[in-house]
Amino acid sequence: MIAVIQDAINCIEKYRCATDHRGRRLFGEVTQWVGTEDTAWPYSFECICQVLGLDANAVRHRLGVAQEQHSVLTLR
C-alpha cells in the first residue's frame, strides 16, 4: 500500500505540467483516484490512507488534488 501511494505521488509530481497525451492521461487518472471517496475497494485511496493512518483530506490538500463531490460522481 505504501508503494501504491508513493507511485501516485510520483505521478502527480511528474505529470502535473505534462503537455503530451500520455502524461495528461496519467495525471488525470491518478488525480481522479486520489479525489474519490470510494471505500468499497481495498486499494482505494481512502482505504489505503485509513490503513496507513493518514488523513486522506490532508494528503489531497498537500498534493493539490481536490476531492470530488458525490453529486458530480452520480452524474457520470
PDB file of N, CA and C in Angstrom:
ATOM      1  N   MET A   1       0.825  -1.203   0.000  1.00  0.00           N
ATOM      2  CA  MET A   1       0.000   0.000   0.000  1.00  0.00           C
ATOM      3  C   MET A   1       0.866   1.263   0.000  1.00  0.00           C
ATOM      4  N   ILE A   2       1.978   1.195   0.681  1.00  0.00           N
ATOM      5  CA  ILE A   2       2.889   2.349   0.673  1.00  0.00           C
ATOM      6  C   ILE A   2       3.394   2.600  -0.748  1.00  0.00           C
ATOM      7  N   ALA A   3       3.701   1.529  -1.463  1.00  0.00           N
ATOM      8  CA  ALA A   3       4.184   1.669  -2.841  1.00  0.00           C
ATOM      9  C   ALA A   3       3.114   2.280  -3.740  1.00  0.00           C
ATOM     10  N   VAL A   4       1.861   1.946  -3.515  1.00  0.00           N
ATOM     11  CA  VAL A   4       0.765   2.491  -4.318  1.00  0.00           C
ATOM     12  C   VAL A   4       0.652   4.001  -4.090  1.00  0.00           C
ATOM     13  N   ILE A   5       0.690   4.414  -2.831  1.00  0.00           N
ATOM     14  CA  ILE A   5       0.633   5.847  -2.511  1.00  0.00           C
ATOM     15  C   ILE A   5       1.858   6.569  -3.084  1.00  0.00           C
ATOM     16  N   GLN A   6       3.026   5.972  -2.949  1.00  0.00           N
ATOM     17  CA  GLN A   6       4.251   6.594  -3.463  1.00  0.00           C
ATOM     18  C   GLN A   6       4.190   6.752  -4.976  1.00  0.00           C
ATOM     19  N   ASP A   7       3.660   5.745  -5.672  1.00  0.00           N
ATOM     20  CA  ASP A   7       3.526   5.831  -7.122  1.00  0.00           C
ATOM     21  C   ASP A   7       2.558   6.951  -7.509  1.00  0.00           C
ATOM     22  N   ALA A   8       1.470   7.076  -6.769  1.00  0.00           N
ATOM     23  CA  ALA A   8       0.512   8.151  -7.042  1.00  0.00           C
ATOM     24  C   ALA A   8       1.168   9.516  -6.854  1.00  0.00           C
ATOM     25  N   ILE A   9       1.914   9.675  -5.784  1.00  0.00           N
ATOM     26  CA  ILE A   9       2.613  10.941  -5.524  1.00  0.00           C
ATOM     27  C   ILE A   9       3.606  11.239  -6.640  1.00  0.00           C
ATOM     28  N   ASN A  10       4.361  10.222  -7.045  1.00  0.00           N
ATOM     29  CA  ASN A  10       5.332  10.399  -8.128  1.00  0.00           C
ATOM     30  C   ASN A  10       4.650  10.803  -9.432  1.00  0.00           C
ATOM     31  N   CYS A  11       3.519  10.164  -9.755  1.00  0.00           N
ATOM     32  CA  CYS A  11       2.791  10.502 -10.980  1.00  0.00           C
ATOM     33  C   CYS A  11       2.271  11.932 -10.943  1.00  0.00           C
ATOM     34  N   ILE A  12       1.736  12.333  -9.803  1.00  0.00           N
ATOM     35  CA  ILE A  12       1.232  13.702  -9.683  1.00  0.00           C
ATOM     36  C   ILE A  12       2.365  14.697  -9.873  1.00  0.00           C
ATOM     37  N   GLU A  13       3.484  14.458  -9.225  1.00  0.00           N
ATOM     38  CA  GLU A  13       4.619  15.375  -9.352  1.00  0.00           C
ATOM     39  C   GLU A  13       5.191  15.389 -10.769  1.00  0.00           C
ATOM     40  N   LYS A  14       5.299  14.219 -11.379  1.00  0.00           N
ATOM     41  CA  LYS A  14       5.922  14.103 -12.695  1.00  0.00           C
ATOM     42  C   LYS A  14       5.037  14.648 -13.812  1.00  0.00           C
ATOM     43  N   TYR A  15       3.727  14.396 -13.728  1.00  0.00           N
ATOM     44  CA  TYR A  15       2.849  14.721 -14.841  1.00  0.00           C
ATOM     45  C   TYR A  15       1.955  15.932 -14.614  1.00  0.00           C
ATOM     46  N   ARG A  16       2.135  16.643 -13.512  1.00  0.00           N
ATOM     47  CA  ARG A  16       1.292  17.813 -13.225  1.00  0.00           C
ATOM     48  C   ARG A  16       1.296  18.819 -14.383  1.00  0.00           C
ATOM     49  N   CYS A  17       2.414  19.042 -14.988  1.00  0.00           N
ATOM     50  CA  CYS A  17       2.526  20.027 -16.068  1.00  0.00           C
ATOM     51  C   CYS A  17       2.737  19.370 -17.430  1.00  0.00           C
ATOM     52  N   ALA A  18       2.343  18.119 -17.557  1.00  0.00           N
ATOM     53  CA  ALA A  18       2.547  17.393 -18.806  1.00  0.00           C
ATOM     54  C   ALA A  18       1.768  18.034 -19.945  1.00  0.00           C
ATOM     55  N   THR A  19       2.364  17.997 -21.116  1.00  0.00           N
ATOM     56  CA  THR A  19       1.697  18.525 -22.299  1.00  0.00           C
ATOM     57  C   THR A  19       1.375  17.422 -23.303  1.00  0.00           C
ATOM     58  N   ASP A  20       1.971  16.254 -23.140  1.00  0.00           N
ATOM     59  CA  ASP A  20       1.689  15.152 -24.055  1.00  0.00           C
ATOM     60  C   ASP A  20       0.461  14.368 -23.590  1.00  0.00           C
ATOM     61  N   HIS A  21      -0.143  13.637 -24.512  1.00  0.00           N
ATOM     62  CA  HIS A  21      -1.383  12.903 -24.231  1.00  0.00           C
ATOM     63  C   HIS A  21      -1.195  11.893 -23.105  1.00  0.00           C
ATOM     64  N   ARG A  22      -0.124  11.125 -23.140  1.00  0.00           N
ATOM     65  CA  ARG A  22       0.114  10.095 -22.120  1.00  0.00           C
ATOM     66  C   ARG A  22       0.249  10.710 -20.728  1.00  0.00           C
ATOM     67  N   GLY A  23       1.031  11.751 -20.620  1.00  0.00           N
ATOM     68  CA  GLY A  23       1.229  12.412 -19.337  1.00  0.00           C
ATOM     69  C   GLY A  23      -0.048  13.007 -18.781  1.00  0.00           C
ATOM     70  N   ARG A  24      -0.829  13.647 -19.647  1.00  0.00           N
ATOM     71  CA  ARG A  24      -2.111  14.221 -19.207  1.00  0.00           C
ATOM     72  C   ARG A  24      -3.073  13.121 -18.766  1.00  0.00           C
ATOM     73  N   ARG A  25      -3.070  11.996 -19.499  1.00  0.00           N
ATOM     74  CA  ARG A  25      -3.952  10.878 -19.148  1.00  0.00           C
ATOM     75  C   ARG A  25      -3.565  10.289 -17.795  1.00  0.00           C
ATOM     76  N   LEU A  26      -2.270  10.063 -17.593  1.00  0.00           N
ATOM     77  CA  LEU A  26      -1.814   9.514 -16.312  1.00  0.00           C
ATOM     78  C   LEU A  26      -2.130  10.459 -15.158  1.00  0.00           C
ATOM     79  N   PHE A  27      -1.902  11.740 -15.357  1.00  0.00           N
ATOM     80  CA  PHE A  27      -2.210  12.715 -14.317  1.00  0.00           C
ATOM     81  C   PHE A  27      -3.704  12.710 -14.016  1.00  0.00           C
ATOM     82  N   GLY A  28      -4.524  12.662 -15.050  1.00  0.00           N
ATOM     83  CA  GLY A  28      -5.968  12.630 -14.853  1.00  0.00           C
ATOM     84  C   GLY A  28      -6.429  11.391 -14.102  1.00  0.00           C
ATOM     85  N   GLU A  29      -5.856  10.250 -14.447  1.00  0.00           N
ATOM     86  CA  GLU A  29      -6.231   9.006 -13.771  1.00  0.00           C
ATOM     87  C   GLU A  29      -5.861   9.032 -12.293  1.00  0.00           C
ATOM     88  N   VAL A  30      -4.653   9.480 -11.995  1.00  0.00           N
ATOM     89  CA  VAL A  30      -4.215   9.456 -10.598  1.00  0.00           C
ATOM     90  C   VAL A  30      -4.950  10.508  -9.767  1.00  0.00           C
ATOM     91  N   THR A  31      -5.219  11.669 -10.338  1.00  0.00           N
ATOM     92  CA  THR A  31      -5.951  12.674  -9.563  1.00  0.00           C
ATOM     93  C   THR A  31      -7.400  12.255  -9.352  1.00  0.00           C
ATOM     94  N   GLN A  32      -7.968  11.549 -10.308  1.00  0.00           N
ATOM     95  CA  GLN A  32      -9.326  11.025 -10.112  1.00  0.00           C
ATOM     96  C   GLN A  32      -9.323   9.985  -8.990  1.00  0.00           C
ATOM     97  N   TRP A  33      -8.339   9.105  -8.978  1.00  0.00           N
ATOM     98  CA  TRP A  33      -8.229   8.074  -7.929  1.00  0.00           C
ATOM     99  C   TRP A  33      -8.064   8.718  -6.556  1.00  0.00           C
ATOM    100  N   VAL A  34      -7.186   9.707  -6.471  1.00  0.00           N
ATOM    101  CA  VAL A  34      -6.940  10.392  -5.198  1.00  0.00           C
ATOM    102  C   VAL A  34      -8.172  11.192  -4.775  1.00  0.00           C
ATOM    103  N   GLY A  35      -8.901  11.746  -5.719  1.00  0.00           N
ATOM    104  CA  GLY A  35     -10.019  12.618  -5.404  1.00  0.00           C
ATOM    105  C   GLY A  35     -11.316  11.930  -5.011  1.00  0.00           C
ATOM    106  N   THR A  36     -11.412  10.630  -5.218  1.00  0.00           N
ATOM    107  CA  THR A  36     -12.667   9.948  -4.902  1.00  0.00           C
ATOM    108  C   THR A  36     -12.704   9.488  -3.452  1.00  0.00           C
ATOM    109  N   GLU A  37     -13.922   9.334  -2.951  1.00  0.00           N
ATOM    110  CA  GLU A  37     -14.133   8.875  -1.573  1.00  0.00           C
ATOM    111  C   GLU A  37     -14.490   7.394  -1.513  1.00  0.00           C
ATOM    112  N   ASP A  38     -14.271   6.659  -2.565  1.00  0.00           N
ATOM    113  CA  ASP A  38     -14.619   5.246  -2.630  1.00  0.00           C
ATOM    114  C   ASP A  38     -13.932   4.460  -1.515  1.00  0.00           C
ATOM    115  N   THR A  39     -14.708   3.648  -0.818  1.00  0.00           N
ATOM    116  CA  THR A  39     -14.140   2.780   0.220  1.00  0.00           C
ATOM    117  C   THR A  39     -14.494   1.319  -0.032  1.00  0.00           C
ATOM    118  N   ALA A  40     -15.130   1.025  -1.158  1.00  0.00           N
ATOM    119  CA  ALA A  40     -15.554  -0.339  -1.459  1.00  0.00           C
ATOM    120  C   ALA A  40     -14.389  -1.228  -1.879  1.00  0.00           C
ATOM    121  N   TRP A  41     -13.351  -0.654  -2.397  1.00  0.00           N
ATOM    122  CA  TRP A  41     -12.206  -1.407  -2.902  1.00  0.00           C
ATOM    123  C   TRP A  41     -11.045  -1.271  -1.916  1.00  0.00           C
ATOM    124  N   PRO A  42     -10.397  -2.375  -1.524  1.00  0.00           N
ATOM    125  CA  PRO A  42      -9.317  -2.303  -0.528  1.00  0.00           C
ATOM    126  C   PRO A  42      -8.150  -1.391  -0.939  1.00  0.00           C
ATOM    127  N   TYR A  43      -7.940  -1.234  -2.237  1.00  0.00           N
ATOM    128  CA  TYR A  43      -6.847  -0.375  -2.686  1.00  0.00           C
ATOM    129  C   TYR A  43      -7.331   0.988  -3.175  1.00  0.00           C
ATOM    130  N   SER A  44      -8.489   1.412  -2.701  1.00  0.00           N
ATOM    131  CA  SER A  44      -8.924   2.776  -2.980  1.00  0.00           C
ATOM    132  C   SER A  44      -8.057   3.724  -2.155  1.00  0.00           C
ATOM    133  N   PHE A  45      -7.970   4.946  -2.591  1.00  0.00           N
ATOM    134  CA  PHE A  45      -7.164   5.940  -1.880  1.00  0.00           C
ATOM    135  C   PHE A  45      -7.599   6.068  -0.429  1.00  0.00           C
ATOM    136  N   GLU A  46      -8.907   6.158  -0.211  1.00  0.00           N
ATOM    137  CA  GLU A  46      -9.428   6.300   1.160  1.00  0.00           C
ATOM    138  C   GLU A  46      -9.027   5.124   2.043  1.00  0.00           C
ATOM    139  N   CYS A  47      -9.169   3.903   1.531  1.00  0.00           N
ATOM    140  CA  CYS A  47      -8.830   2.712   2.328  1.00  0.00           C
ATOM    141  C   CYS A  47      -7.335   2.648   2.637  1.00  0.00           C
ATOM    142  N   ILE A  48      -6.523   2.944   1.646  1.00  0.00           N
ATOM    143  CA  ILE A  48      -5.076   2.917   1.868  1.00  0.00           C
ATOM    144  C   ILE A  48      -4.686   3.944   2.924  1.00  0.00           C
ATOM    145  N   CYS A  49      -5.231   5.142   2.826  1.00  0.00           N
ATOM    146  CA  CYS A  49      -4.918   6.169   3.825  1.00  0.00           C
ATOM    147  C   CYS A  49      -5.354   5.721   5.212  1.00  0.00           C
ATOM    148  N   GLN A  50      -6.517   5.107   5.297  1.00  0.00           N
ATOM    149  CA  GLN A  50      -7.010   4.646   6.595  1.00  0.00           C
ATOM    150  C   GLN A  50      -6.068   3.589   7.186  1.00  0.00           C
ATOM    151  N   VAL A  51      -5.658   2.607   6.383  1.00  0.00           N
ATOM    152  CA  VAL A  51      -4.764   1.554   6.860  1.00  0.00           C
ATOM    153  C   VAL A  51      -3.416   2.132   7.294  1.00  0.00           C
ATOM    154  N   LEU A  52      -2.922   3.121   6.562  1.00  0.00           N
ATOM    155  CA  LEU A  52      -1.613   3.710   6.864  1.00  0.00           C
ATOM    156  C   LEU A  52      -1.683   4.805   7.928  1.00  0.00           C
ATOM    157  N   GLY A  53      -2.881   5.113   8.394  1.00  0.00           N
ATOM    158  CA  GLY A  53      -3.030   6.134   9.423  1.00  0.00           C
ATOM    159  C   GLY A  53      -2.834   7.549   8.903  1.00  0.00           C
ATOM    160  N   LEU A  54      -3.178   7.760   7.638  1.00  0.00           N
ATOM    161  CA  LEU A  54      -3.043   9.081   7.024  1.00  0.00           C
ATOM    162  C   LEU A  54      -4.404   9.748   6.921  1.00  0.00           C
ATOM    163  N   ASP A  55      -4.433  11.049   7.061  1.00  0.00           N
ATOM    164  CA  ASP A  55      -5.649  11.822   6.849  1.00  0.00           C
ATOM    165  C   ASP A  55      -5.767  12.053   5.340  1.00  0.00           C
ATOM    166  N   ALA A  56      -6.729  11.386   4.703  1.00  0.00           N
ATOM    167  CA  ALA A  56      -6.866  11.446   3.248  1.00  0.00           C
ATOM    168  C   ALA A  56      -7.044  12.879   2.756  1.00  0.00           C
ATOM    169  N   ASN A  57      -7.835  13.675   3.446  1.00  0.00           N
ATOM    170  CA  ASN A  57      -8.048  15.062   3.025  1.00  0.00           C
ATOM    171  C   ASN A  57      -6.782  15.891   3.147  1.00  0.00           C
ATOM    172  N   ALA A  58      -5.989  15.645   4.168  1.00  0.00           N
ATOM    173  CA  ALA A  58      -4.722  16.366   4.325  1.00  0.00           C
ATOM    174  C   ALA A  58      -3.750  15.993   3.205  1.00  0.00           C
ATOM    175  N   VAL A  59      -3.722  14.732   2.833  1.00  0.00           N
ATOM    176  CA  VAL A  59      -2.851  14.289   1.736  1.00  0.00           C
ATOM    177  C   VAL A  59      -3.311  14.937   0.433  1.00  0.00           C
ATOM    178  N   ARG A  60      -4.625  14.936   0.185  1.00  0.00           N
ATOM    179  CA  ARG A  60      -5.151  15.587  -1.017  1.00  0.00           C
ATOM    180  C   ARG A  60      -4.764  17.064  -1.055  1.00  0.00           C
ATOM    181  N   HIS A  61      -4.930  17.722   0.067  1.00  0.00           N
ATOM    182  CA  HIS A  61      -4.601  19.149   0.141  1.00  0.00           C
ATOM    183  C   HIS A  61      -3.123  19.368  -0.167  1.00  0.00           C
ATOM    184  N   ARG A  62      -2.276  18.562   0.429  1.00  0.00           N
ATOM    185  CA  ARG A  62      -0.827  18.700   0.235  1.00  0.00           C
ATOM    186  C   ARG A  62      -0.430  18.458  -1.217  1.00  0.00           C
ATOM    187  N   LEU A  63      -1.140  17.526  -1.877  1.00  0.00           N
ATOM    188  CA  LEU A  63      -0.854  17.224  -3.283  1.00  0.00           C
ATOM    189  C   LEU A  63      -1.538  18.196  -4.240  1.00  0.00           C
ATOM    190  N   GLY A  64      -2.442  19.020  -3.720  1.00  0.00           N
ATOM    191  CA  GLY A  64      -3.168  19.953  -4.567  1.00  0.00           C
ATOM    192  C   GLY A  64      -4.230  19.273  -5.407  1.00  0.00           C
ATOM    193  N   VAL A  65      -4.807  18.197  -4.863  1.00  0.00           N
ATOM    194  CA  VAL A  65      -5.838  17.453  -5.577  1.00  0.00           C
ATOM    195  C   VAL A  65      -7.160  17.653  -4.854  1.00  0.00           C
ATOM    196  N   ALA A  66      -8.138  18.167  -5.573  1.00  0.00           N
ATOM    197  CA  ALA A  66      -9.454  18.410  -4.971  1.00  0.00           C
ATOM    198  C   ALA A  66     -10.222  17.111  -4.835  1.00  0.00           C
ATOM    199  N   GLN A  67     -10.980  17.037  -3.777  1.00  0.00           N
ATOM    200  CA  GLN A  67     -11.839  15.893  -3.550  1.00  0.00           C
ATOM    201  C   GLN A  67     -13.101  16.061  -4.387  1.00  0.00           C
ATOM    202  N   GLU A  68     -13.488  15.020  -5.117  1.00  0.00           N
ATOM    203  CA  GLU A  68     -14.687  15.084  -5.942  1.00  0.00           C
ATOM    204  C   GLU A  68     -15.920  15.047  -5.060  1.00  0.00           C
ATOM    205  N   GLN A  69     -16.939  15.755  -5.489  1.00  0.00           N
ATOM    206  CA  GLN A  69     -18.199  15.775  -4.762  1.00  0.00           C
ATOM    207  C   GLN A  69     -19.049  14.595  -5.198  1.00  0.00           C
ATOM    208  N   HIS A  70     -19.829  14.032  -4.268  1.00  0.00           N
ATOM    209  CA  HIS A  70     -20.684  12.902  -4.591  1.00  0.00           C
ATOM    210  C   HIS A  70     -21.670  13.247  -5.709  1.00  0.00           C
ATOM    211  N   SER A  71     -22.156  14.470  -5.751  1.00  0.00           N
ATOM    212  CA  SER A  71     -23.121  14.845  -6.772  1.00  0.00           C
ATOM    213  C   SER A  71     -22.494  14.784  -8.161  1.00  0.00           C
ATOM    214  N   VAL A  72     -21.225  15.129  -8.268  1.00  0.00           N
ATOM    215  CA  VAL A  72     -20.527  15.062  -9.551  1.00  0.00           C
ATOM    216  C   VAL A  72     -20.369  13.608  -9.972  1.00  0.00           C
ATOM    217  N   LEU A  73     -20.037  12.739  -9.018  1.00  0.00           N
ATOM    218  CA  LEU A  73     -19.836  11.331  -9.331  1.00  0.00           C
ATOM    219  C   LEU A  73     -21.124  10.665  -9.789  1.00  0.00           C
ATOM    220  N   THR A  74     -22.245  11.050  -9.248  1.00  0.00           N
ATOM    221  CA  THR A  74     -23.503  10.416  -9.620  1.00  0.00           C
ATOM    222  C   THR A  74     -23.980  10.858 -10.995  1.00  0.00           C
ATOM    223  N   LEU A  75     -23.486  11.978 -11.490  1.00  0.00           N
ATOM    224  CA  LEU A  75     -23.887  12.456 -12.811  1.00  0.00           C
ATOM    225  C   LEU A  75     -23.150  11.740 -13.930  1.00  0.00           C
ATOM    226  N   ARG A  76     -22.078  11.077 -13.623  1.00  0.00           N
ATOM    227  CA  ARG A  76     -21.266  10.414 -14.648  1.00  0.00           C
ATOM    228  C   ARG A  76     -21.873   9.147 -15.114  1.00  0.00           C
TER     229      ARG A  76
END
